[in-house]
Amino acid sequence: MLRAVLDTNVIVSSVISKKGAPFHLVQAWTDLRFTLITSTSIIEEVQRVLSEHRVKDVFRLTDERISQLAETMRQNAVVVQGDADVRGAIPEDPSDEMFLAAALKGKAGFIVSGDKHLLGLKTFRGIEIQTARKFLDTLNADK
């Protein structure tokens, strides 16, 4: 089964819109079409972003919904330490390096992101970095 790390922007997009590739990708994960690799840092960032007033209020998210998503990630994904040494891999935005670290620790084949810094790498130590749309195509080709 394919193993992938989803960037925060993909997970947040799936929560705030029931249309588009991010939503369908998270649905594919819940349908067990791939294994989600994540880390405590990623889960915490998802919670932080969804809890920001501008996101929470506009999309009418409840604390319960946000906590439920975090718990689903903890229970149904492979949660790794995310402490692989990737310092300097993305000098323009070192905060994105947590996705690289999680992918290395979790032996993921893919990182799925909409972030230009990650997508600009294209690959990292053999891990493909794809958009949500491209990864959906990859999943569909892997059936």
N, C-alpha and C. Protein backbone atom coordinates (compact mmCIF):
# COMPACT_ATOMS: atom_id res chain seq x y z
N MET A 1 0.85 -1.18 0.00
CA MET A 1 0.00 0.00 0.00
C MET A 1 0.89 1.24 0.00
N LEU A 2 0.51 2.24 -0.77
CA LEU A 2 1.26 3.49 -0.83
C LEU A 2 1.23 4.19 0.52
N ARG A 3 2.33 4.85 0.85
CA ARG A 3 2.45 5.59 2.11
C ARG A 3 2.73 7.05 1.77
N ALA A 4 1.97 7.96 2.39
CA ALA A 4 2.10 9.38 2.05
C ALA A 4 1.94 10.26 3.28
N VAL A 5 2.69 11.36 3.26
CA VAL A 5 2.53 12.44 4.23
C VAL A 5 1.70 13.52 3.55
N LEU A 6 0.67 14.00 4.24
CA LEU A 6 -0.13 15.11 3.73
C LEU A 6 0.28 16.38 4.45
N ASP A 7 0.59 17.40 3.67
CA ASP A 7 0.93 18.71 4.21
C ASP A 7 -0.31 19.29 4.90
N THR A 8 -0.08 20.15 5.85
CA THR A 8 -1.17 20.81 6.58
C THR A 8 -2.16 21.46 5.63
N ASN A 9 -1.67 22.10 4.57
CA ASN A 9 -2.58 22.81 3.67
C ASN A 9 -3.55 21.86 2.98
N VAL A 10 -3.14 20.63 2.74
CA VAL A 10 -4.03 19.64 2.12
C VAL A 10 -5.11 19.22 3.12
N ILE A 11 -4.72 18.95 4.34
CA ILE A 11 -5.69 18.52 5.36
C ILE A 11 -6.67 19.65 5.67
N VAL A 12 -6.17 20.85 5.85
CA VAL A 12 -7.04 22.00 6.14
C VAL A 12 -8.00 22.23 4.98
N SER A 13 -7.51 22.17 3.76
CA SER A 13 -8.38 22.35 2.59
C SER A 13 -9.48 21.31 2.55
N SER A 14 -9.17 20.07 2.97
CA SER A 14 -10.18 19.01 2.95
C SER A 14 -11.29 19.26 3.96
N VAL A 15 -10.95 19.97 5.04
CA VAL A 15 -11.94 20.27 6.08
C VAL A 15 -12.83 21.43 5.68
N ILE A 16 -12.26 22.43 5.04
CA ILE A 16 -13.04 23.63 4.76
C ILE A 16 -13.81 23.57 3.44
N SER A 17 -13.52 22.57 2.61
CA SER A 17 -14.26 22.43 1.35
C SER A 17 -14.48 20.96 1.02
N LYS A 18 -15.70 20.63 0.73
CA LYS A 18 -16.05 19.25 0.37
C LYS A 18 -15.88 18.99 -1.12
N LYS A 19 -15.28 19.94 -1.80
CA LYS A 19 -15.01 19.81 -3.23
C LYS A 19 -13.51 19.79 -3.42
N GLY A 20 -13.08 19.25 -4.51
CA GLY A 20 -11.67 19.32 -4.85
C GLY A 20 -10.84 18.15 -4.40
N ALA A 21 -9.62 18.14 -4.89
CA ALA A 21 -8.71 17.04 -4.66
C ALA A 21 -8.38 16.80 -3.19
N PRO A 22 -8.12 17.82 -2.36
CA PRO A 22 -7.80 17.53 -0.96
C PRO A 22 -8.90 16.74 -0.24
N PHE A 23 -10.15 17.12 -0.44
CA PHE A 23 -11.25 16.38 0.19
C PHE A 23 -11.27 14.93 -0.28
N HIS A 24 -11.15 14.73 -1.59
CA HIS A 24 -11.18 13.36 -2.14
C HIS A 24 -9.96 12.56 -1.69
N LEU A 25 -8.86 13.23 -1.48
CA LEU A 25 -7.66 12.54 -1.01
C LEU A 25 -7.82 12.07 0.43
N VAL A 26 -8.34 12.92 1.29
CA VAL A 26 -8.58 12.51 2.68
C VAL A 26 -9.63 11.40 2.71
N GLN A 27 -10.60 11.48 1.83
CA GLN A 27 -11.59 10.40 1.74
C GLN A 27 -10.91 9.10 1.32
N ALA A 28 -9.98 9.17 0.41
CA ALA A 28 -9.23 7.97 -0.03
C ALA A 28 -8.45 7.38 1.15
N TRP A 29 -7.91 8.24 2.00
CA TRP A 29 -7.22 7.75 3.20
C TRP A 29 -8.20 7.03 4.12
N THR A 30 -9.36 7.64 4.38
CA THR A 30 -10.33 7.00 5.27
C THR A 30 -10.90 5.73 4.67
N ASP A 31 -10.85 5.62 3.34
CA ASP A 31 -11.27 4.39 2.65
C ASP A 31 -10.14 3.37 2.56
N LEU A 32 -9.02 3.66 3.24
CA LEU A 32 -7.86 2.77 3.32
C LEU A 32 -7.20 2.51 1.97
N ARG A 33 -7.19 3.53 1.11
CA ARG A 33 -6.55 3.39 -0.19
C ARG A 33 -5.06 3.72 -0.13
N PHE A 34 -4.62 4.36 0.95
CA PHE A 34 -3.21 4.58 1.20
C PHE A 34 -3.01 4.76 2.70
N THR A 35 -1.78 4.61 3.14
CA THR A 35 -1.44 4.78 4.55
C THR A 35 -0.96 6.20 4.77
N LEU A 36 -1.60 6.89 5.69
CA LEU A 36 -1.18 8.25 6.04
C LEU A 36 -0.06 8.17 7.07
N ILE A 37 1.03 8.85 6.76
CA ILE A 37 2.14 9.00 7.69
C ILE A 37 2.08 10.43 8.21
N THR A 38 2.16 10.60 9.51
CA THR A 38 2.12 11.93 10.08
C THR A 38 3.00 11.98 11.32
N SER A 39 3.06 13.13 11.94
CA SER A 39 3.84 13.29 13.17
C SER A 39 3.03 14.15 14.14
N THR A 40 3.46 14.14 15.37
CA THR A 40 2.80 14.98 16.37
C THR A 40 2.86 16.44 15.95
N SER A 41 3.99 16.86 15.40
CA SER A 41 4.14 18.26 14.95
C SER A 41 3.14 18.62 13.86
N ILE A 42 2.92 17.71 12.93
CA ILE A 42 1.95 17.97 11.85
C ILE A 42 0.55 18.05 12.42
N ILE A 43 0.19 17.11 13.29
CA ILE A 43 -1.14 17.12 13.89
C ILE A 43 -1.37 18.41 14.67
N GLU A 44 -0.36 18.83 15.42
CA GLU A 44 -0.48 20.08 16.19
C GLU A 44 -0.63 21.28 15.26
N GLU A 45 0.08 21.28 14.14
CA GLU A 45 -0.06 22.40 13.21
C GLU A 45 -1.45 22.42 12.58
N VAL A 46 -1.99 21.26 12.24
CA VAL A 46 -3.35 21.19 11.69
C VAL A 46 -4.33 21.78 12.71
N GLN A 47 -4.20 21.37 13.96
CA GLN A 47 -5.10 21.90 15.00
C GLN A 47 -4.94 23.41 15.15
N ARG A 48 -3.70 23.89 15.14
CA ARG A 48 -3.45 25.33 15.30
C ARG A 48 -4.07 26.13 14.17
N VAL A 49 -3.86 25.67 12.93
CA VAL A 49 -4.39 26.41 11.77
C VAL A 49 -5.92 26.40 11.78
N LEU A 50 -6.51 25.25 12.04
CA LEU A 50 -7.98 25.17 12.07
C LEU A 50 -8.58 25.96 13.22
N SER A 51 -7.81 26.17 14.29
CA SER A 51 -8.31 26.91 15.45
C SER A 51 -8.14 28.42 15.33
N GLU A 52 -7.40 28.87 14.32
CA GLU A 52 -7.24 30.31 14.12
C GLU A 52 -8.62 30.91 13.86
N HIS A 53 -8.88 32.04 14.48
CA HIS A 53 -10.22 32.64 14.39
C HIS A 53 -10.67 32.85 12.94
N ARG A 54 -9.75 33.30 12.09
CA ARG A 54 -10.15 33.58 10.71
C ARG A 54 -10.59 32.31 9.99
N VAL A 55 -10.06 31.18 10.35
CA VAL A 55 -10.47 29.91 9.73
C VAL A 55 -11.68 29.34 10.46
N LYS A 56 -11.56 29.25 11.77
CA LYS A 56 -12.61 28.65 12.59
C LYS A 56 -13.95 29.35 12.43
N ASP A 57 -13.93 30.67 12.46
CA ASP A 57 -15.16 31.44 12.38
C ASP A 57 -15.76 31.42 10.98
N VAL A 58 -14.93 31.64 9.98
CA VAL A 58 -15.43 31.69 8.60
C VAL A 58 -16.05 30.35 8.19
N PHE A 59 -15.42 29.25 8.59
CA PHE A 59 -15.90 27.94 8.16
C PHE A 59 -16.72 27.23 9.23
N ARG A 60 -17.03 27.96 10.29
CA ARG A 60 -17.89 27.47 11.36
C ARG A 60 -17.43 26.11 11.91
N LEU A 61 -16.17 26.06 12.25
CA LEU A 61 -15.60 24.85 12.82
C LEU A 61 -15.72 24.88 14.34
N THR A 62 -16.09 23.78 14.91
CA THR A 62 -16.19 23.71 16.36
C THR A 62 -14.90 23.10 16.92
N ASP A 63 -14.66 23.39 18.20
CA ASP A 63 -13.51 22.78 18.87
C ASP A 63 -13.61 21.26 18.81
N GLU A 64 -14.84 20.75 18.94
CA GLU A 64 -15.06 19.31 18.90
C GLU A 64 -14.66 18.73 17.54
N ARG A 65 -15.03 19.39 16.47
CA ARG A 65 -14.68 18.92 15.12
C ARG A 65 -13.17 18.91 14.91
N ILE A 66 -12.51 19.95 15.38
CA ILE A 66 -11.06 20.05 15.25
C ILE A 66 -10.38 18.95 16.06
N SER A 67 -10.83 18.76 17.29
CA SER A 67 -10.26 17.70 18.14
C SER A 67 -10.53 16.32 17.57
N GLN A 68 -11.69 16.14 16.99
CA GLN A 68 -12.05 14.86 16.38
C GLN A 68 -11.12 14.53 15.21
N LEU A 69 -10.82 15.52 14.39
CA LEU A 69 -9.90 15.30 13.28
C LEU A 69 -8.52 14.91 13.80
N ALA A 70 -8.03 15.63 14.80
CA ALA A 70 -6.71 15.32 15.36
C ALA A 70 -6.69 13.90 15.93
N GLU A 71 -7.74 13.53 16.61
CA GLU A 71 -7.80 12.18 17.19
C GLU A 71 -7.88 11.11 16.09
N THR A 72 -8.62 11.39 15.03
CA THR A 72 -8.68 10.46 13.90
C THR A 72 -7.30 10.27 13.30
N MET A 73 -6.55 11.35 13.18
CA MET A 73 -5.20 11.25 12.66
C MET A 73 -4.32 10.41 13.59
N ARG A 74 -4.42 10.66 14.88
CA ARG A 74 -3.61 9.89 15.85
C ARG A 74 -3.95 8.40 15.81
N GLN A 75 -5.23 8.09 15.65
CA GLN A 75 -5.67 6.70 15.73
C GLN A 75 -5.54 5.93 14.42
N ASN A 76 -5.68 6.62 13.29
CA ASN A 76 -5.78 5.92 12.01
C ASN A 76 -4.62 6.18 11.05
N ALA A 77 -3.61 6.88 11.52
CA ALA A 77 -2.42 7.11 10.71
C ALA A 77 -1.23 6.51 11.44
N VAL A 78 -0.14 6.40 10.73
CA VAL A 78 1.12 6.00 11.36
C VAL A 78 1.76 7.30 11.85
N VAL A 79 1.86 7.46 13.16
CA VAL A 79 2.42 8.67 13.76
C VAL A 79 3.88 8.39 14.12
N VAL A 80 4.77 9.15 13.49
CA VAL A 80 6.21 8.96 13.71
C VAL A 80 6.78 10.13 14.49
N GLN A 81 7.99 9.96 14.98
CA GLN A 81 8.66 11.03 15.72
C GLN A 81 8.89 12.26 14.84
N GLY A 82 9.23 12.04 13.59
CA GLY A 82 9.49 13.18 12.71
C GLY A 82 10.77 13.90 13.07
N ASP A 83 11.75 13.15 13.57
CA ASP A 83 12.98 13.77 14.02
C ASP A 83 14.18 13.46 13.12
N ALA A 84 13.92 13.03 11.90
CA ALA A 84 15.01 12.80 10.95
C ALA A 84 15.71 14.12 10.66
N ASP A 85 17.01 14.06 10.47
CA ASP A 85 17.78 15.28 10.24
C ASP A 85 17.63 15.73 8.78
N VAL A 86 16.87 16.78 8.60
CA VAL A 86 16.65 17.35 7.26
C VAL A 86 16.97 18.85 7.26
N ARG A 87 17.66 19.30 8.28
CA ARG A 87 17.99 20.73 8.41
C ARG A 87 18.65 21.24 7.14
N GLY A 88 18.16 22.38 6.69
CA GLY A 88 18.73 23.02 5.52
C GLY A 88 18.15 22.57 4.20
N ALA A 89 17.24 21.61 4.23
CA ALA A 89 16.65 21.11 2.98
C ALA A 89 15.77 22.15 2.30
N ILE A 90 15.13 23.00 3.11
CA ILE A 90 14.26 24.05 2.56
C ILE A 90 14.63 25.37 3.26
N PRO A 91 15.72 25.98 2.82
CA PRO A 91 16.17 27.21 3.50
C PRO A 91 15.16 28.35 3.43
N GLU A 92 14.33 28.38 2.39
CA GLU A 92 13.33 29.45 2.25
C GLU A 92 12.22 29.33 3.31
N ASP A 93 11.95 28.12 3.80
CA ASP A 93 10.90 27.92 4.79
C ASP A 93 11.19 26.66 5.60
N PRO A 94 12.08 26.78 6.59
CA PRO A 94 12.46 25.61 7.39
C PRO A 94 11.29 24.91 8.09
N SER A 95 10.18 25.60 8.30
CA SER A 95 9.03 24.96 8.96
C SER A 95 8.45 23.84 8.10
N ASP A 96 8.69 23.88 6.79
CA ASP A 96 8.22 22.81 5.91
C ASP A 96 9.03 21.53 6.04
N GLU A 97 10.17 21.62 6.69
CA GLU A 97 11.04 20.46 6.82
C GLU A 97 10.42 19.35 7.67
N MET A 98 9.41 19.69 8.49
CA MET A 98 8.76 18.65 9.30
C MET A 98 8.08 17.60 8.42
N PHE A 99 7.64 17.98 7.24
CA PHE A 99 7.00 17.02 6.34
C PHE A 99 8.04 16.07 5.74
N LEU A 100 9.21 16.61 5.44
CA LEU A 100 10.31 15.77 4.94
C LEU A 100 10.74 14.78 6.02
N ALA A 101 10.87 15.27 7.25
CA ALA A 101 11.30 14.42 8.36
C ALA A 101 10.30 13.30 8.62
N ALA A 102 9.03 13.63 8.62
CA ALA A 102 7.99 12.61 8.84
C ALA A 102 8.02 11.57 7.73
N ALA A 103 8.18 12.03 6.49
CA ALA A 103 8.22 11.10 5.36
C ALA A 103 9.41 10.15 5.46
N LEU A 104 10.56 10.67 5.84
CA LEU A 104 11.74 9.81 6.00
C LEU A 104 11.53 8.80 7.12
N LYS A 105 11.09 9.27 8.28
CA LYS A 105 10.89 8.38 9.43
C LYS A 105 9.83 7.33 9.15
N GLY A 106 8.77 7.72 8.43
CA GLY A 106 7.67 6.81 8.16
C GLY A 106 7.82 6.01 6.88
N LYS A 107 8.96 6.16 6.23
CA LYS A 107 9.22 5.45 4.98
C LYS A 107 8.11 5.68 3.94
N ALA A 108 7.69 6.94 3.85
CA ALA A 108 6.65 7.32 2.88
C ALA A 108 7.26 7.41 1.49
N GLY A 109 6.47 7.10 0.51
CA GLY A 109 6.90 7.24 -0.87
C GLY A 109 6.52 8.59 -1.45
N PHE A 110 5.62 9.30 -0.74
CA PHE A 110 5.07 10.55 -1.27
C PHE A 110 4.87 11.57 -0.17
N ILE A 111 5.03 12.82 -0.54
CA ILE A 111 4.58 13.96 0.25
C ILE A 111 3.59 14.68 -0.65
N VAL A 112 2.42 14.98 -0.11
CA VAL A 112 1.38 15.65 -0.89
C VAL A 112 1.21 17.05 -0.33
N SER A 113 1.35 18.04 -1.20
CA SER A 113 1.37 19.43 -0.73
C SER A 113 0.91 20.39 -1.81
N GLY A 114 0.52 21.56 -1.38
CA GLY A 114 0.26 22.66 -2.29
C GLY A 114 1.29 23.75 -2.08
N ASP A 115 2.27 23.50 -1.23
CA ASP A 115 3.29 24.48 -0.88
C ASP A 115 4.37 24.56 -1.95
N LYS A 116 4.66 25.77 -2.40
CA LYS A 116 5.62 25.95 -3.50
C LYS A 116 7.03 25.51 -3.13
N HIS A 117 7.41 25.66 -1.86
CA HIS A 117 8.75 25.25 -1.46
C HIS A 117 8.91 23.73 -1.53
N LEU A 118 7.91 23.02 -1.05
CA LEU A 118 7.97 21.55 -1.12
C LEU A 118 7.85 21.08 -2.57
N LEU A 119 6.87 21.61 -3.29
CA LEU A 119 6.68 21.19 -4.68
C LEU A 119 7.90 21.50 -5.54
N GLY A 120 8.59 22.56 -5.20
CA GLY A 120 9.79 22.93 -5.95
C GLY A 120 10.90 21.90 -5.85
N LEU A 121 10.90 21.12 -4.77
CA LEU A 121 11.90 20.06 -4.63
C LEU A 121 11.66 18.91 -5.60
N LYS A 122 10.39 18.65 -5.92
CA LYS A 122 9.96 17.54 -6.78
C LYS A 122 10.20 16.17 -6.14
N THR A 123 11.40 15.92 -5.65
CA THR A 123 11.70 14.70 -4.90
C THR A 123 12.65 15.06 -3.77
N PHE A 124 12.67 14.20 -2.76
CA PHE A 124 13.60 14.37 -1.65
C PHE A 124 14.01 13.00 -1.17
N ARG A 125 15.26 12.67 -1.36
CA ARG A 125 15.80 11.36 -0.95
C ARG A 125 14.89 10.21 -1.40
N GLY A 126 14.46 10.28 -2.64
CA GLY A 126 13.64 9.23 -3.22
C GLY A 126 12.15 9.34 -2.97
N ILE A 127 11.73 10.37 -2.24
CA ILE A 127 10.31 10.57 -1.92
C ILE A 127 9.75 11.56 -2.94
N GLU A 128 8.69 11.16 -3.64
CA GLU A 128 8.06 12.06 -4.62
C GLU A 128 7.20 13.09 -3.90
N ILE A 129 7.26 14.32 -4.38
CA ILE A 129 6.44 15.39 -3.82
C ILE A 129 5.44 15.80 -4.90
N GLN A 130 4.16 15.62 -4.58
CA GLN A 130 3.11 15.83 -5.57
C GLN A 130 2.00 16.72 -5.02
N THR A 131 1.25 17.30 -5.95
CA THR A 131 0.03 18.01 -5.57
C THR A 131 -1.04 16.97 -5.20
N ALA A 132 -2.11 17.44 -4.58
CA ALA A 132 -3.21 16.53 -4.23
C ALA A 132 -3.82 15.91 -5.49
N ARG A 133 -4.00 16.68 -6.53
CA ARG A 133 -4.57 16.17 -7.78
C ARG A 133 -3.68 15.07 -8.36
N LYS A 134 -2.39 15.32 -8.41
CA LYS A 134 -1.44 14.35 -8.97
C LYS A 134 -1.42 13.07 -8.13
N PHE A 135 -1.47 13.21 -6.80
CA PHE A 135 -1.46 12.01 -5.97
C PHE A 135 -2.76 11.23 -6.12
N LEU A 136 -3.88 11.91 -6.31
CA LEU A 136 -5.12 11.18 -6.61
C LEU A 136 -4.98 10.37 -7.90
N ASP A 137 -4.36 10.97 -8.90
CA ASP A 137 -4.10 10.25 -10.15
C ASP A 137 -3.19 9.05 -9.90
N THR A 138 -2.19 9.22 -9.07
CA THR A 138 -1.28 8.12 -8.71
C THR A 138 -2.06 7.00 -8.02
N LEU A 139 -2.94 7.36 -7.10
CA LEU A 139 -3.77 6.36 -6.40
C LEU A 139 -4.66 5.62 -7.38
N ASN A 140 -5.27 6.35 -8.29
CA ASN A 140 -6.17 5.72 -9.26
C ASN A 140 -5.42 4.80 -10.21
N ALA A 141 -4.19 5.14 -10.54
CA ALA A 141 -3.38 4.30 -11.41
C ALA A 141 -2.89 3.05 -10.68
N ASP A 142 -2.86 3.12 -9.34
CA ASP A 142 -2.34 2.02 -8.52
C ASP A 142 -3.42 0.99 -8.16
N LYS A 143 -4.65 1.22 -8.58
CA LYS A 143 -5.76 0.31 -8.23
C LYS A 143 -5.53 -1.10 -8.70
